[in-house]
Protein backbone atom coordinates (compact mmCIF):
# COMPACT_ATOMS: atom_id res chain seq x y z
CA LEU A 1 -1.31 3.57 -52.03
CA ARG A 2 -1.99 3.28 -48.32
CA CYS A 3 -2.90 6.61 -46.59
CA ARG A 4 -4.43 7.99 -43.37
CA LEU A 5 -7.82 9.74 -43.90
CA TYR A 6 -8.97 12.35 -41.40
CA SER A 7 -12.66 12.59 -42.64
CA THR A 8 -15.26 15.08 -41.32
CA LEU A 9 -17.54 12.14 -41.16
CA TRP A 10 -15.50 10.07 -38.62
CA THR A 11 -14.44 10.44 -35.09
CA ARG A 12 -10.92 8.79 -35.66
CA PRO A 13 -8.47 8.68 -38.61
CA ARG A 14 -8.63 5.60 -40.74
CA GLN A 15 -6.08 3.70 -42.89
CA VAL A 16 -7.52 3.66 -46.38
CA THR A 17 -6.39 2.83 -49.88
CA MET A 18 -6.09 5.65 -52.53
CA LEU A 19 -6.59 4.84 -56.16
CA MET A 20 -3.65 5.50 -58.44
CA ARG A 21 -3.40 6.30 -62.28
CA CYS A 22 -0.60 4.93 -64.28
CA SER A 23 0.97 6.59 -67.36
CA GLY A 24 1.64 3.26 -69.00
CA HIS A 25 1.80 -0.49 -68.45
CA SER A 26 5.69 -0.85 -67.98
CA ARG A 27 7.42 -0.94 -64.58
CA THR A 28 8.87 2.38 -65.14
CA ALA A 29 5.51 3.98 -65.80
CA GLN A 30 4.82 6.97 -63.53
CA ARG A 31 1.90 6.73 -60.92
CA PHE A 32 -0.22 9.49 -59.77
CA PRO A 33 -2.46 9.40 -56.78
CA VAL A 34 -6.22 10.12 -57.17
CA PRO A 35 -7.27 11.86 -53.84
CA GLU A 36 -10.70 12.82 -55.41
CA SER A 37 -11.79 9.22 -54.82
CA LEU A 38 -11.60 9.86 -51.04
CA PHE A 39 -12.97 13.41 -50.50
CA GLU A 40 -16.56 14.39 -49.98
CA GLU A 41 -18.45 17.42 -51.10
CA ALA A 42 -17.02 17.70 -54.70
CA THR A 43 -20.06 20.09 -55.57
CA VAL A 44 -18.83 22.56 -52.97
CA GLN A 45 -15.15 22.48 -53.97
CA PRO A 46 -14.20 20.20 -56.81
CA TYR A 47 -10.43 20.71 -56.55
CA ILE A 48 -7.97 19.48 -53.95
CA HIS A 49 -4.90 21.28 -52.65
CA ASN A 50 -1.74 19.58 -51.79
CA CYS A 51 1.57 20.23 -50.12
CA PHE A 52 4.62 18.36 -49.05
CA VAL A 53 5.80 18.12 -45.45
CA THR A 54 9.24 16.96 -44.22
CA VAL A 55 9.56 15.82 -40.57
CA HIS A 56 12.96 15.49 -39.01
CA GLU A 57 12.95 13.38 -35.94
CA GLY A 58 16.43 12.59 -34.67
CA ARG A 59 18.32 10.81 -37.49
CA HIS A 60 15.08 9.94 -39.31
CA VAL A 61 13.56 12.02 -42.04
CA TYR A 62 9.91 11.43 -43.04
CA GLN A 63 8.25 13.00 -46.01
CA PHE A 64 4.53 13.24 -46.54
CA CYS A 65 2.31 14.52 -49.22
CA ILE A 66 -0.80 16.20 -47.65
CA PHE A 67 -4.01 16.52 -49.58
CA PHE A 68 -6.78 18.82 -48.37
CA LYS A 69 -9.75 21.12 -49.22
CA ARG A 70 -10.23 24.55 -47.93
CA HIS A 71 -13.57 26.33 -48.38
CA LEU A 72 -15.92 28.37 -46.18
CA ARG A 73 -18.84 26.16 -46.93
CA LEU A 74 -17.07 22.84 -46.13
CA ARG A 75 -17.76 21.16 -42.79
CA ALA A 76 -15.16 21.76 -40.03
CA ASN A 77 -12.96 18.81 -39.43
CA VAL A 78 -13.21 18.18 -35.68
CA LEU A 79 -10.22 15.67 -35.78
CA LEU A 80 -7.91 18.39 -36.88
CA SER A 81 -9.32 21.21 -34.84
CA ARG A 82 -9.21 19.44 -31.41
CA ASN A 83 -7.16 21.21 -28.89
CA ASP A 84 -5.24 18.27 -27.63
CA HIS A 85 -3.72 17.52 -31.23
CA LYS A 86 -3.28 13.74 -30.61
CA PHE A 87 -3.53 11.97 -33.91
């Protein structure tokens, strides 16, 4: 699964590959993303939140699944807290 990672360790977002788990070996098996493989600081906050975002742009509709952590002791993500909001 290709995704864009906004890490607290980098100054720019990067395209990365997220691991997937499968419920079986058939083509109809369900696949589940494993965002834990990409996030740091599992000892501070071991679980990951997610939400779904739908963007309507003209006739196009884009759907995204956003994974994130939120904890007082985590490092601030300067990529997402910049004032110009250019991603």
